[in-house]
PDB file of N, CA and C in Angstrom:
ATOM      1  N   MET A   1     -39.412  79.047  10.147  1.00  0.00           N
ATOM      2  CA  MET A   1     -39.462  78.432  11.459  1.00  0.00           C
ATOM      3  C   MET A   1     -40.122  77.055  11.337  1.00  0.00           C
ATOM      4  N   THR A   2     -39.506  76.053  11.950  1.00  0.00           N
ATOM      5  CA  THR A   2     -40.035  74.700  11.923  1.00  0.00           C
ATOM      6  C   THR A   2     -40.899  74.474  13.148  1.00  0.00           C
ATOM      7  N   PRO A   3     -42.157  74.072  12.970  1.00  0.00           N
ATOM      8  CA  PRO A   3     -43.011  73.836  14.134  1.00  0.00           C
ATOM      9  C   PRO A   3     -42.610  72.542  14.851  1.00  0.00           C
ATOM     10  N   ILE A   4     -42.902  72.500  16.113  1.00  0.00           N
ATOM     11  CA  ILE A   4     -42.650  71.280  16.894  1.00  0.00           C
ATOM     12  C   ILE A   4     -43.627  70.216  16.418  1.00  0.00           C
ATOM     13  N   ALA A   5     -43.115  69.014  16.161  1.00  0.00           N
ATOM     14  CA  ALA A   5     -43.940  67.928  15.642  1.00  0.00           C
ATOM     15  C   ALA A   5     -44.521  67.050  16.750  1.00  0.00           C
ATOM     16  N   ALA A   6     -43.773  66.848  17.826  1.00  0.00           N
ATOM     17  CA  ALA A   6     -44.225  65.972  18.907  1.00  0.00           C
ATOM     18  C   ALA A   6     -43.233  66.082  20.061  1.00  0.00           C
ATOM     19  N   ILE A   7     -43.604  65.521  21.180  1.00  0.00           N
ATOM     20  CA  ILE A   7     -42.674  65.401  22.308  1.00  0.00           C
ATOM     21  C   ILE A   7     -41.983  64.055  22.164  1.00  0.00           C
ATOM     22  N   ASP A   8     -40.666  64.062  22.191  1.00  0.00           N
ATOM     23  CA  ASP A   8     -39.920  62.806  22.101  1.00  0.00           C
ATOM     24  C   ASP A   8     -39.909  62.074  23.433  1.00  0.00           C
ATOM     25  N   HIS A   9     -39.646  62.797  24.525  1.00  0.00           N
ATOM     26  CA  HIS A   9     -39.624  62.195  25.852  1.00  0.00           C
ATOM     27  C   HIS A   9     -39.753  63.281  26.903  1.00  0.00           C
ATOM     28  N   VAL A  10     -40.037  62.857  28.116  1.00  0.00           N
ATOM     29  CA  VAL A  10     -39.990  63.766  29.264  1.00  0.00           C
ATOM     30  C   VAL A  10     -38.893  63.265  30.187  1.00  0.00           C
ATOM     31  N   GLN A  11     -38.269  64.180  30.894  1.00  0.00           N
ATOM     32  CA  GLN A  11     -37.239  63.795  31.854  1.00  0.00           C
ATOM     33  C   GLN A  11     -37.705  64.180  33.243  1.00  0.00           C
ATOM     34  N   ILE A  12     -37.530  63.229  34.156  1.00  0.00           N
ATOM     35  CA  ILE A  12     -37.886  63.427  35.550  1.00  0.00           C
ATOM     36  C   ILE A  12     -36.627  63.194  36.376  1.00  0.00           C
ATOM     37  N   ALA A  13     -36.353  64.105  37.290  1.00  0.00           N
ATOM     38  CA  ALA A  13     -35.150  63.989  38.121  1.00  0.00           C
ATOM     39  C   ALA A  13     -35.370  63.005  39.259  1.00  0.00           C
ATOM     40  N   ILE A  14     -34.307  62.260  39.552  1.00  0.00           N
ATOM     41  CA  ILE A  14     -34.297  61.356  40.703  1.00  0.00           C
ATOM     42  C   ILE A  14     -32.972  61.552  41.434  1.00  0.00           C
ATOM     43  N   PRO A  15     -32.913  61.161  42.700  1.00  0.00           N
ATOM     44  CA  PRO A  15     -31.643  61.282  43.413  1.00  0.00           C
ATOM     45  C   PRO A  15     -30.664  60.186  42.998  1.00  0.00           C
ATOM     46  N   GLU A  16     -29.412  60.436  43.228  1.00  0.00           N
ATOM     47  CA  GLU A  16     -28.370  59.459  42.920  1.00  0.00           C
ATOM     48  C   GLU A  16     -28.669  58.145  43.637  1.00  0.00           C
ATOM     49  N   GLY A  17     -28.559  57.036  42.915  1.00  0.00           N
ATOM     50  CA  GLY A  17     -28.807  55.713  43.485  1.00  0.00           C
ATOM     51  C   GLY A  17     -30.269  55.330  43.568  1.00  0.00           C
ATOM     52  N   GLY A  18     -31.156  56.114  42.989  1.00  0.00           N
ATOM     53  CA  GLY A  18     -32.595  55.852  43.099  1.00  0.00           C
ATOM     54  C   GLY A  18     -33.179  54.941  42.034  1.00  0.00           C
ATOM     55  N   GLU A  19     -32.354  54.435  41.139  1.00  0.00           N
ATOM     56  CA  GLU A  19     -32.864  53.652  40.009  1.00  0.00           C
ATOM     57  C   GLU A  19     -33.674  52.425  40.442  1.00  0.00           C
ATOM     58  N   ALA A  20     -33.177  51.655  41.394  1.00  0.00           N
ATOM     59  CA  ALA A  20     -33.871  50.432  41.810  1.00  0.00           C
ATOM     60  C   ALA A  20     -35.220  50.752  42.444  1.00  0.00           C
ATOM     61  N   VAL A  21     -35.263  51.778  43.280  1.00  0.00           N
ATOM     62  CA  VAL A  21     -36.518  52.179  43.919  1.00  0.00           C
ATOM     63  C   VAL A  21     -37.506  52.690  42.877  1.00  0.00           C
ATOM     64  N   ALA A  22     -37.019  53.379  41.864  1.00  0.00           N
ATOM     65  CA  ALA A  22     -37.875  53.938  40.817  1.00  0.00           C
ATOM     66  C   ALA A  22     -38.617  52.857  40.045  1.00  0.00           C
ATOM     67  N   ARG A  23     -38.013  51.681  39.880  1.00  0.00           N
ATOM     68  CA  ARG A  23     -38.643  50.595  39.109  1.00  0.00           C
ATOM     69  C   ARG A  23     -40.005  50.203  39.662  1.00  0.00           C
ATOM     70  N   GLY A  24     -40.151  50.221  40.973  1.00  0.00           N
ATOM     71  CA  GLY A  24     -41.430  49.860  41.583  1.00  0.00           C
ATOM     72  C   GLY A  24     -42.559  50.788  41.171  1.00  0.00           C
ATOM     73  N   PHE A  25     -42.235  52.013  40.867  1.00  0.00           N
ATOM     74  CA  PHE A  25     -43.240  52.997  40.459  1.00  0.00           C
ATOM     75  C   PHE A  25     -43.392  53.038  38.942  1.00  0.00           C
ATOM     76  N   TYR A  26     -42.294  53.300  38.252  1.00  0.00           N
ATOM     77  CA  TYR A  26     -42.372  53.524  36.801  1.00  0.00           C
ATOM     78  C   TYR A  26     -42.612  52.243  36.003  1.00  0.00           C
ATOM     79  N   ALA A  27     -42.030  51.128  36.424  1.00  0.00           N
ATOM     80  CA  ALA A  27     -42.241  49.866  35.701  1.00  0.00           C
ATOM     81  C   ALA A  27     -43.419  49.092  36.291  1.00  0.00           C
ATOM     82  N   ASP A  28     -43.352  48.786  37.573  1.00  0.00           N
ATOM     83  CA  ASP A  28     -44.359  47.918  38.174  1.00  0.00           C
ATOM     84  C   ASP A  28     -45.738  48.559  38.265  1.00  0.00           C
ATOM     85  N   LEU A  29     -45.817  49.828  38.646  1.00  0.00           N
ATOM     86  CA  LEU A  29     -47.118  50.494  38.782  1.00  0.00           C
ATOM     87  C   LEU A  29     -47.607  51.071  37.455  1.00  0.00           C
ATOM     88  N   LEU A  30     -46.783  51.892  36.810  1.00  0.00           N
ATOM     89  CA  LEU A  30     -47.224  52.557  35.578  1.00  0.00           C
ATOM     90  C   LEU A  30     -47.135  51.667  34.342  1.00  0.00           C
ATOM     91  N   GLY A  31     -46.415  50.561  34.436  1.00  0.00           N
ATOM     92  CA  GLY A  31     -46.352  49.634  33.303  1.00  0.00           C
ATOM     93  C   GLY A  31     -45.395  50.027  32.197  1.00  0.00           C
ATOM     94  N   LEU A  32     -44.496  50.968  32.489  1.00  0.00           N
ATOM     95  CA  LEU A  32     -43.489  51.348  31.495  1.00  0.00           C
ATOM     96  C   LEU A  32     -42.397  50.277  31.469  1.00  0.00           C
ATOM     97  N   ILE A  33     -41.798  50.077  30.326  1.00  0.00           N
ATOM     98  CA  ILE A  33     -40.756  49.068  30.156  1.00  0.00           C
ATOM     99  C   ILE A  33     -39.401  49.759  30.153  1.00  0.00           C
ATOM    100  N   GLU A  34     -38.493  49.267  30.987  1.00  0.00           N
ATOM    101  CA  GLU A  34     -37.153  49.848  31.020  1.00  0.00           C
ATOM    102  C   GLU A  34     -36.408  49.460  29.748  1.00  0.00           C
ATOM    103  N   VAL A  35     -35.810  50.455  29.108  1.00  0.00           N
ATOM    104  CA  VAL A  35     -35.037  50.223  27.892  1.00  0.00           C
ATOM    105  C   VAL A  35     -33.592  50.641  28.149  1.00  0.00           C
ATOM    106  N   PRO A  36     -32.643  49.989  27.478  1.00  0.00           N
ATOM    107  CA  PRO A  36     -31.233  50.334  27.715  1.00  0.00           C
ATOM    108  C   PRO A  36     -30.916  51.761  27.282  1.00  0.00           C
ATOM    109  N   LYS A  37     -30.114  52.420  28.094  1.00  0.00           N
ATOM    110  CA  LYS A  37     -29.595  53.735  27.714  1.00  0.00           C
ATOM    111  C   LYS A  37     -28.413  53.508  26.777  1.00  0.00           C
ATOM    112  N   PRO A  38     -28.141  54.445  25.887  1.00  0.00           N
ATOM    113  CA  PRO A  38     -26.936  54.322  25.058  1.00  0.00           C
ATOM    114  C   PRO A  38     -25.703  54.230  25.954  1.00  0.00           C
ATOM    115  N   ALA A  39     -24.738  53.442  25.535  1.00  0.00           N
ATOM    116  CA  ALA A  39     -23.522  53.235  26.332  1.00  0.00           C
ATOM    117  C   ALA A  39     -22.865  54.559  26.714  1.00  0.00           C
ATOM    118  N   SER A  40     -22.918  55.525  25.803  1.00  0.00           N
ATOM    119  CA  SER A  40     -22.279  56.814  26.062  1.00  0.00           C
ATOM    120  C   SER A  40     -22.958  57.593  27.188  1.00  0.00           C
ATOM    121  N   MET A  41     -24.189  57.213  27.552  1.00  0.00           N
ATOM    122  CA  MET A  41     -24.933  57.916  28.597  1.00  0.00           C
ATOM    123  C   MET A  41     -25.149  57.063  29.849  1.00  0.00           C
ATOM    124  N   ALA A  42     -24.884  55.788  29.768  1.00  0.00           N
ATOM    125  CA  ALA A  42     -25.182  54.870  30.869  1.00  0.00           C
ATOM    126  C   ALA A  42     -24.414  55.203  32.140  1.00  0.00           C
ATOM    127  N   THR A  43     -23.232  55.765  32.009  1.00  0.00           N
ATOM    128  CA  THR A  43     -22.421  56.064  33.193  1.00  0.00           C
ATOM    129  C   THR A  43     -22.994  57.214  34.028  1.00  0.00           C
ATOM    130  N   ARG A  44     -23.936  57.948  33.477  1.00  0.00           N
ATOM    131  CA  ARG A  44     -24.540  59.076  34.192  1.00  0.00           C
ATOM    132  C   ARG A  44     -25.569  58.633  35.232  1.00  0.00           C
ATOM    133  N   GLY A  45     -25.947  57.369  35.192  1.00  0.00           N
ATOM    134  CA  GLY A  45     -27.009  56.890  36.067  1.00  0.00           C
ATOM    135  C   GLY A  45     -28.363  57.195  35.479  1.00  0.00           C
ATOM    136  N   GLY A  46     -29.406  56.957  36.245  1.00  0.00           N
ATOM    137  CA  GLY A  46     -30.756  57.153  35.755  1.00  0.00           C
ATOM    138  C   GLY A  46     -31.254  55.928  35.024  1.00  0.00           C
ATOM    139  N   ALA A  47     -32.405  56.048  34.397  1.00  0.00           N
ATOM    140  CA  ALA A  47     -33.001  54.938  33.664  1.00  0.00           C
ATOM    141  C   ALA A  47     -33.969  55.496  32.635  1.00  0.00           C
ATOM    142  N   TRP A  48     -34.151  54.751  31.561  1.00  0.00           N
ATOM    143  CA  TRP A  48     -35.098  55.134  30.514  1.00  0.00           C
ATOM    144  C   TRP A  48     -36.220  54.117  30.461  1.00  0.00           C
ATOM    145  N   TYR A  49     -37.443  54.617  30.288  1.00  0.00           N
ATOM    146  CA  TYR A  49     -38.641  53.782  30.212  1.00  0.00           C
ATOM    147  C   TYR A  49     -39.445  54.163  28.983  1.00  0.00           C
ATOM    148  N   GLN A  50     -40.209  53.177  28.502  1.00  0.00           N
ATOM    149  CA  GLN A  50     -41.022  53.433  27.315  1.00  0.00           C
ATOM    150  C   GLN A  50     -42.230  52.503  27.305  1.00  0.00           C
ATOM    151  N   ALA A  51     -43.330  52.993  26.762  1.00  0.00           N
ATOM    152  CA  ALA A  51     -44.522  52.199  26.483  1.00  0.00           C
ATOM    153  C   ALA A  51     -45.148  52.816  25.243  1.00  0.00           C
ATOM    154  N   GLY A  52     -45.041  52.144  24.112  1.00  0.00           N
ATOM    155  CA  GLY A  52     -45.523  52.717  22.862  1.00  0.00           C
ATOM    156  C   GLY A  52     -44.752  53.988  22.557  1.00  0.00           C
ATOM    157  N   LEU A  53     -45.455  55.082  22.320  1.00  0.00           N
ATOM    158  CA  LEU A  53     -44.814  56.356  22.000  1.00  0.00           C
ATOM    159  C   LEU A  53     -44.437  57.161  23.242  1.00  0.00           C
ATOM    160  N   VAL A  54     -44.833  56.691  24.414  1.00  0.00           N
ATOM    161  CA  VAL A  54     -44.533  57.404  25.661  1.00  0.00           C
ATOM    162  C   VAL A  54     -43.132  57.018  26.130  1.00  0.00           C
ATOM    163  N   LYS A  55     -42.270  58.019  26.293  1.00  0.00           N
ATOM    164  CA  LYS A  55     -40.908  57.786  26.766  1.00  0.00           C
ATOM    165  C   LYS A  55     -40.644  58.668  27.986  1.00  0.00           C
ATOM    166  N   VAL A  56     -40.124  58.038  29.038  1.00  0.00           N
ATOM    167  CA  VAL A  56     -39.787  58.748  30.266  1.00  0.00           C
ATOM    168  C   VAL A  56     -38.329  58.461  30.575  1.00  0.00           C
ATOM    169  N   HIS A  57     -37.552  59.514  30.715  1.00  0.00           N
ATOM    170  CA  HIS A  57     -36.145  59.386  31.093  1.00  0.00           C
ATOM    171  C   HIS A  57     -36.003  59.859  32.532  1.00  0.00           C
ATOM    172  N   LEU A  58     -35.434  59.018  33.373  1.00  0.00           N
ATOM    173  CA  LEU A  58     -35.136  59.410  34.739  1.00  0.00           C
ATOM    174  C   LEU A  58     -33.679  59.814  34.782  1.00  0.00           C
ATOM    175  N   GLY A  59     -33.416  61.049  35.176  1.00  0.00           N
ATOM    176  CA  GLY A  59     -32.058  61.567  35.212  1.00  0.00           C
ATOM    177  C   GLY A  59     -31.620  61.879  36.626  1.00  0.00           C
ATOM    178  N   VAL A  60     -30.405  61.485  36.956  1.00  0.00           N
ATOM    179  CA  VAL A  60     -29.863  61.721  38.287  1.00  0.00           C
ATOM    180  C   VAL A  60     -29.479  63.190  38.421  1.00  0.00           C
ATOM    181  N   GLU A  61     -29.958  63.809  39.502  1.00  0.00           N
ATOM    182  CA  GLU A  61     -29.589  65.180  39.837  1.00  0.00           C
ATOM    183  C   GLU A  61     -28.832  65.156  41.151  1.00  0.00           C
ATOM    184  N   GLN A  62     -27.630  65.706  41.147  1.00  0.00           N
ATOM    185  CA  GLN A  62     -26.804  65.704  42.355  1.00  0.00           C
ATOM    186  C   GLN A  62     -27.471  66.466  43.499  1.00  0.00           C
ATOM    187  N   ASP A  63     -28.063  67.602  43.210  1.00  0.00           N
ATOM    188  CA  ASP A  63     -28.740  68.419  44.216  1.00  0.00           C
ATOM    189  C   ASP A  63     -30.246  68.223  44.044  1.00  0.00           C
ATOM    190  N   PHE A  64     -30.692  66.981  44.172  1.00  0.00           N
ATOM    191  CA  PHE A  64     -32.078  66.624  43.873  1.00  0.00           C
ATOM    192  C   PHE A  64     -33.077  67.312  44.787  1.00  0.00           C
ATOM    193  N   ARG A  65     -34.134  67.823  44.177  1.00  0.00           N
ATOM    194  CA  ARG A  65     -35.320  68.326  44.868  1.00  0.00           C
ATOM    195  C   ARG A  65     -36.522  67.859  44.076  1.00  0.00           C
ATOM    196  N   ALA A  66     -37.484  67.261  44.742  1.00  0.00           N
ATOM    197  CA  ALA A  66     -38.679  66.745  44.064  1.00  0.00           C
ATOM    198  C   ALA A  66     -39.475  67.877  43.425  1.00  0.00           C
ATOM    199  N   ASN A  67     -40.118  67.570  42.313  1.00  0.00           N
ATOM    200  CA  ASN A  67     -41.003  68.525  41.652  1.00  0.00           C
ATOM    201  C   ASN A  67     -42.426  68.306  42.155  1.00  0.00           C
ATOM    202  N   ASP A  68     -42.874  69.209  43.004  1.00  0.00           N
ATOM    203  CA  ASP A  68     -44.229  69.116  43.533  1.00  0.00           C
ATOM    204  C   ASP A  68     -45.206  69.924  42.692  1.00  0.00           C
ATOM    205  N   LYS A  69     -44.713  70.809  41.857  1.00  0.00           N
ATOM    206  CA  LYS A  69     -45.575  71.620  40.991  1.00  0.00           C
ATOM    207  C   LYS A  69     -45.408  71.197  39.528  1.00  0.00           C
ATOM    208  N   ALA A  70     -44.191  71.311  39.007  1.00  0.00           N
ATOM    209  CA  ALA A  70     -43.939  70.885  37.627  1.00  0.00           C
ATOM    210  C   ALA A  70     -44.172  69.383  37.549  1.00  0.00           C
ATOM    211  N   HIS A  71     -44.810  68.930  36.469  1.00  0.00           N
ATOM    212  CA  HIS A  71     -45.143  67.513  36.371  1.00  0.00           C
ATOM    213  C   HIS A  71     -45.440  67.117  34.939  1.00  0.00           C
ATOM    214  N   VAL A  72     -45.494  65.823  34.725  1.00  0.00           N
ATOM    215  CA  VAL A  72     -45.947  65.247  33.466  1.00  0.00           C
ATOM    216  C   VAL A  72     -47.350  64.710  33.721  1.00  0.00           C
ATOM    217  N   ALA A  73     -48.179  64.711  32.686  1.00  0.00           N
ATOM    218  CA  ALA A  73     -49.539  64.183  32.810  1.00  0.00           C
ATOM    219  C   ALA A  73     -49.724  63.045  31.809  1.00  0.00           C
ATOM    220  N   PHE A  74     -50.154  61.899  32.312  1.00  0.00           N
ATOM    221  CA  PHE A  74     -50.378  60.726  31.472  1.00  0.00           C
ATOM    222  C   PHE A  74     -51.875  60.470  31.331  1.00  0.00           C
ATOM    223  N   LEU A  75     -52.327  60.250  30.104  1.00  0.00           N
ATOM    224  CA  LEU A  75     -53.688  59.791  29.866  1.00  0.00           C
ATOM    225  C   LEU A  75     -53.732  58.312  30.222  1.00  0.00           C
ATOM    226  N   VAL A  76     -54.727  57.910  30.994  1.00  0.00           N
ATOM    227  CA  VAL A  76     -54.856  56.518  31.405  1.00  0.00           C
ATOM    228  C   VAL A  76     -56.286  56.039  31.177  1.00  0.00           C
ATOM    229  N   ALA A  77     -56.455  54.729  31.135  1.00  0.00           N
ATOM    230  CA  ALA A  77     -57.775  54.145  30.891  1.00  0.00           C
ATOM    231  C   ALA A  77     -58.680  54.263  32.108  1.00  0.00           C
ATOM    232  N   ASP A  78     -58.120  54.137  33.317  1.00  0.00           N
ATOM    233  CA  ASP A  78     -58.937  54.135  34.528  1.00  0.00           C
ATOM    234  C   ASP A  78     -58.173  54.825  35.657  1.00  0.00           C
ATOM    235  N   VAL A  79     -58.503  56.078  35.903  1.00  0.00           N
ATOM    236  CA  VAL A  79     -57.818  56.865  36.934  1.00  0.00           C
ATOM    237  C   VAL A  79     -58.022  56.251  38.314  1.00  0.00           C
ATOM    238  N   ALA A  80     -59.263  55.897  38.638  1.00  0.00           N
ATOM    239  CA  ALA A  80     -59.555  55.370  39.975  1.00  0.00           C
ATOM    240  C   ALA A  80     -58.786  54.079  40.247  1.00  0.00           C
ATOM    241  N   GLU A  81     -58.737  53.194  39.267  1.00  0.00           N
ATOM    242  CA  GLU A  81     -58.041  51.919  39.453  1.00  0.00           C
ATOM    243  C   GLU A  81     -56.544  52.122  39.660  1.00  0.00           C
ATOM    244  N   LEU A  82     -55.925  52.954  38.822  1.00  0.00           N
ATOM    245  CA  LEU A  82     -54.491  53.192  38.957  1.00  0.00           C
ATOM    246  C   LEU A  82     -54.178  53.909  40.269  1.00  0.00           C
ATOM    247  N   ALA A  83     -55.018  54.853  40.646  1.00  0.00           N
ATOM    248  CA  ALA A  83     -54.814  55.568  41.917  1.00  0.00           C
ATOM    249  C   ALA A  83     -54.913  54.598  43.092  1.00  0.00           C
ATOM    250  N   GLU A  84     -55.862  53.674  43.045  1.00  0.00           N
ATOM    251  CA  GLU A  84     -56.010  52.695  44.119  1.00  0.00           C
ATOM    252  C   GLU A  84     -54.811  51.752  44.169  1.00  0.00           C
ATOM    253  N   GLN A  85     -54.333  51.323  43.012  1.00  0.00           N
ATOM    254  CA  GLN A  85     -53.142  50.474  42.980  1.00  0.00           C
ATOM    255  C   GLN A  85     -51.943  51.207  43.587  1.00  0.00           C
ATOM    256  N   ALA A  86     -51.819  52.491  43.270  1.00  0.00           N
ATOM    257  CA  ALA A  86     -50.722  53.286  43.818  1.00  0.00           C
ATOM    258  C   ALA A  86     -50.836  53.369  45.340  1.00  0.00           C
ATOM    259  N   ARG A  87     -52.030  53.643  45.822  1.00  0.00           N
ATOM    260  CA  ARG A  87     -52.246  53.757  47.272  1.00  0.00           C
ATOM    261  C   ARG A  87     -51.931  52.427  47.959  1.00  0.00           C
ATOM    262  N   GLU A  88     -52.392  51.316  47.377  1.00  0.00           N
ATOM    263  CA  GLU A  88     -52.133  49.990  47.952  1.00  0.00           C
ATOM    264  C   GLU A  88     -50.643  49.677  48.023  1.00  0.00           C
ATOM    265  N   ARG A  89     -49.862  50.243  47.101  1.00  0.00           N
ATOM    266  CA  ARG A  89     -48.417  50.009  47.089  1.00  0.00           C
ATOM    267  C   ARG A  89     -47.649  51.034  47.928  1.00  0.00           C
ATOM    268  N   GLY A  90     -48.394  51.893  48.597  1.00  0.00           N
ATOM    269  CA  GLY A  90     -47.763  52.829  49.515  1.00  0.00           C
ATOM    270  C   GLY A  90     -47.358  54.169  48.926  1.00  0.00           C
ATOM    271  N   PHE A  91     -47.802  54.450  47.707  1.00  0.00           N
ATOM    272  CA  PHE A  91     -47.482  55.741  47.095  1.00  0.00           C
ATOM    273  C   PHE A  91     -48.543  56.769  47.475  1.00  0.00           C
ATOM    274  N   ARG A  92     -48.129  57.998  47.599  1.00  0.00           N
ATOM    275  CA  ARG A  92     -49.045  59.099  47.922  1.00  0.00           C
ATOM    276  C   ARG A  92     -49.931  59.391  46.714  1.00  0.00           C
ATOM    277  N   VAL A  93     -51.214  59.589  46.968  1.00  0.00           N
ATOM    278  CA  VAL A  93     -52.199  59.862  45.920  1.00  0.00           C
ATOM    279  C   VAL A  93     -53.049  61.047  46.362  1.00  0.00           C
ATOM    280  N   LYS A  94     -53.295  61.955  45.426  1.00  0.00           N
ATOM    281  CA  LYS A  94     -54.175  63.094  45.707  1.00  0.00           C
ATOM    282  C   LYS A  94     -55.202  63.171  44.573  1.00  0.00           C
ATOM    283  N   HIS A  95     -56.468  62.985  44.901  1.00  0.00           N
ATOM    284  CA  HIS A  95     -57.526  63.105  43.896  1.00  0.00           C
ATOM    285  C   HIS A  95     -57.830  64.582  43.675  1.00  0.00           C
ATOM    286  N   ASP A  96     -58.309  64.909  42.485  1.00  0.00           N
ATOM    287  CA  ASP A  96     -58.542  66.303  42.134  1.00  0.00           C
ATOM    288  C   ASP A  96     -59.772  66.399  41.245  1.00  0.00           C
ATOM    289  N   THR A  97     -60.583  67.417  41.464  1.00  0.00           N
ATOM    290  CA  THR A  97     -61.801  67.608  40.663  1.00  0.00           C
ATOM    291  C   THR A  97     -61.820  68.976  39.984  1.00  0.00           C
ATOM    292  N   GLU A  98     -60.695  69.654  39.919  1.00  0.00           N
ATOM    293  CA  GLU A  98     -60.676  71.026  39.422  1.00  0.00           C
ATOM    294  C   GLU A  98     -60.619  71.172  37.903  1.00  0.00           C
ATOM    295  N   LEU A  99     -60.335  70.117  37.161  1.00  0.00           N
ATOM    296  CA  LEU A  99     -60.232  70.216  35.712  1.00  0.00           C
ATOM    297  C   LEU A  99     -61.546  69.755  35.082  1.00  0.00           C
ATOM    298  N   PRO A 100     -62.360  70.694  34.584  1.00  0.00           N
ATOM    299  CA  PRO A 100     -63.646  70.320  34.006  1.00  0.00           C
ATOM    300  C   PRO A 100     -63.486  69.304  32.870  1.00  0.00           C
ATOM    301  N   GLY A 101     -64.424  68.353  32.840  1.00  0.00           N
ATOM    302  CA  GLY A 101     -64.439  67.373  31.764  1.00  0.00           C
ATOM    303  C   GLY A 101     -63.424  66.257  31.909  1.00  0.00           C
ATOM    304  N   HIS A 102     -62.792  66.139  33.074  1.00  0.00           N
ATOM    305  CA  HIS A 102     -61.772  65.114  33.277  1.00  0.00           C
ATOM    306  C   HIS A 102     -61.884  64.487  34.665  1.00  0.00           C
ATOM    307  N   VAL A 103     -61.503  63.230  34.739  1.00  0.00           N
ATOM    308  CA  VAL A 103     -61.238  62.570  36.009  1.00  0.00           C
ATOM    309  C   VAL A 103     -59.729  62.594  36.133  1.00  0.00           C
ATOM    310  N   ARG A 104     -59.222  63.029  37.284  1.00  0.00           N
ATOM    311  CA  ARG A 104     -57.772  63.067  37.421  1.00  0.00           C
ATOM    312  C   ARG A 104     -57.338  62.908  38.871  1.00  0.00           C
ATOM    313  N   ALA A 105     -56.087  62.510  38.990  1.00  0.00           N
ATOM    314  CA  ALA A 105     -55.459  62.371  40.298  1.00  0.00           C
ATOM    315  C   ALA A 105     -53.975  62.653  40.122  1.00  0.00           C
ATOM    316  N   PHE A 106     -53.329  62.922  41.232  1.00  0.00           N
ATOM    317  CA  PHE A 106     -51.883  63.107  41.231  1.00  0.00           C
ATOM    318  C   PHE A 106     -51.269  61.974  42.044  1.00  0.00           C
ATOM    319  N   LEU A 107     -50.289  61.318  41.457  1.00  0.00           N
ATOM    320  CA  LEU A 107     -49.514  60.291  42.137  1.00  0.00           C
ATOM    321  C   LEU A 107     -48.155  60.893  42.428  1.00  0.00           C
ATOM    322  N   TYR A 108     -47.515  60.419  43.467  1.00  0.00           N
ATOM    323  CA  TYR A 108     -46.183  60.903  43.811  1.00  0.00           C
ATOM    324  C   TYR A 108     -45.228  59.719  43.785  1.00  0.00           C
ATOM    325  N   ASP A 109     -44.172  59.845  42.985  1.00  0.00           N
ATOM    326  CA  ASP A 109     -43.206  58.757  42.866  1.00  0.00           C
ATOM    327  C   ASP A 109     -42.457  58.596  44.193  1.00  0.00           C
ATOM    328  N   PRO A 110     -41.581  57.603  44.318  1.00  0.00           N
ATOM    329  CA  PRO A 110     -40.919  57.366  45.599  1.00  0.00           C
ATOM    330  C   PRO A 110     -40.073  58.532  46.104  1.00  0.00           C
ATOM    331  N   PHE A 111     -39.800  59.496  45.224  1.00  0.00           N
ATOM    332  CA  PHE A 111     -38.938  60.627  45.580  1.00  0.00           C
ATOM    333  C   PHE A 111     -39.735  61.903  45.824  1.00  0.00           C
ATOM    334  N   GLY A 112     -41.069  61.848  45.626  1.00  0.00           N
ATOM    335  CA  GLY A 112     -41.920  63.010  45.831  1.00  0.00           C
ATOM    336  C   GLY A 112     -42.258  63.780  44.577  1.00  0.00           C
ATOM    337  N   ASN A 113     -41.848  63.310  43.394  1.00  0.00           N
ATOM    338  CA  ASN A 113     -42.206  63.969  42.140  1.00  0.00           C
ATOM    339  C   ASN A 113     -43.684  63.741  41.845  1.00  0.00           C
ATOM    340  N   ARG A 114     -44.384  64.805  41.474  1.00  0.00           N
ATOM    341  CA  ARG A 114     -45.813  64.725  41.172  1.00  0.00           C
ATOM    342  C   ARG A 114     -46.016  64.239  39.744  1.00  0.00           C
ATOM    343  N   ILE A 115     -46.881  63.247  39.569  1.00  0.00           N
ATOM    344  CA  ILE A 115     -47.238  62.690  38.271  1.00  0.00           C
ATOM    345  C   ILE A 115     -48.761  62.758  38.163  1.00  0.00           C
ATOM    346  N   GLU A 116     -49.258  63.430  37.148  1.00  0.00           N
ATOM    347  CA  GLU A 116     -50.703  63.529  36.949  1.00  0.00           C
ATOM    348  C   GLU A 116     -51.179  62.376  36.091  1.00  0.00           C
ATOM    349  N   ILE A 117     -52.316  61.796  36.466  1.00  0.00           N
ATOM    350  CA  ILE A 117     -52.991  60.812  35.614  1.00  0.00           C
ATOM    351  C   ILE A 117     -54.393  61.344  35.372  1.00  0.00           C
ATOM    352  N   LEU A 118     -54.863  61.240  34.144  1.00  0.00           N
ATOM    353  CA  LEU A 118     -56.173  61.781  33.848  1.00  0.00           C
ATOM    354  C   LEU A 118     -56.840  61.055  32.699  1.00  0.00           C
ATOM    355  N   LYS A 119     -58.162  61.233  32.635  1.00  0.00           N
ATOM    356  CA  LYS A 119     -58.966  60.687  31.549  1.00  0.00           C
ATOM    357  C   LYS A 119     -60.103  61.656  31.287  1.00  0.00           C
ATOM    358  N   PRO A 120     -60.286  62.019  30.000  1.00  0.00           N
ATOM    359  CA  PRO A 120     -61.444  62.871  29.691  1.00  0.00           C
ATOM    360  C   PRO A 120     -62.756  62.119  29.979  1.00  0.00           C
ATOM    361  N   ILE A 121     -63.731  62.869  30.466  1.00  0.00           N
ATOM    362  CA  ILE A 121     -65.057  62.295  30.695  1.00  0.00           C
ATOM    363  C   ILE A 121     -65.796  62.368  29.357  1.00  0.00           C
ATOM    364  N   GLU A 122     -66.316  61.228  28.936  1.00  0.00           N
ATOM    365  CA  GLU A 122     -67.038  61.186  27.656  1.00  0.00           C
ATOM    366  C   GLU A 122     -68.379  61.887  27.803  1.00  0.00           C
ATOM    367  N   ALA A 123     -68.763  62.623  26.769  1.00  0.00           N
ATOM    368  CA  ALA A 123     -70.052  63.325  26.778  1.00  0.00           C
ATOM    369  C   ALA A 123     -71.169  62.300  26.947  1.00  0.00           C
ATOM    370  N   GLY A 124     -72.098  62.590  27.840  1.00  0.00           N
ATOM    371  CA  GLY A 124     -73.226  61.700  28.070  1.00  0.00           C
ATOM    372  C   GLY A 124     -72.928  60.584  29.046  1.00  0.00           C
ATOM    373  N   ALA A 125     -71.687  60.534  29.547  1.00  0.00           N
ATOM    374  CA  ALA A 125     -71.330  59.449  30.491  1.00  0.00           C
ATOM    375  C   ALA A 125     -71.684  59.815  31.907  1.00  0.00           C
TER     376      ALA A 125
END
């Protein structure tokens, strides 16, 4: 049996035609860079984003329903700052204190998908 080495990407569903609206959240707020999809997949819609080793694929779902429970979690340098930027741009933000040893919040993309942002609290901080 071959063990899993890493996560290549995460896929988040968006509604048909949501690509332009998604850019304000995934590119402008989160700082991900949109990368071209392979020509063989471009006709499906959606968009691909990347920042370093982090890859997020937005895929169009015909019967779209936002994920309010299932989510991806991103490690960030400053949870409070990113959460405030999200709130200022009109995105829903929910702060959370339930995970010991971490500062975290949940952001909601323009379609209602939950995205966790978190940072471990350094010992002695």
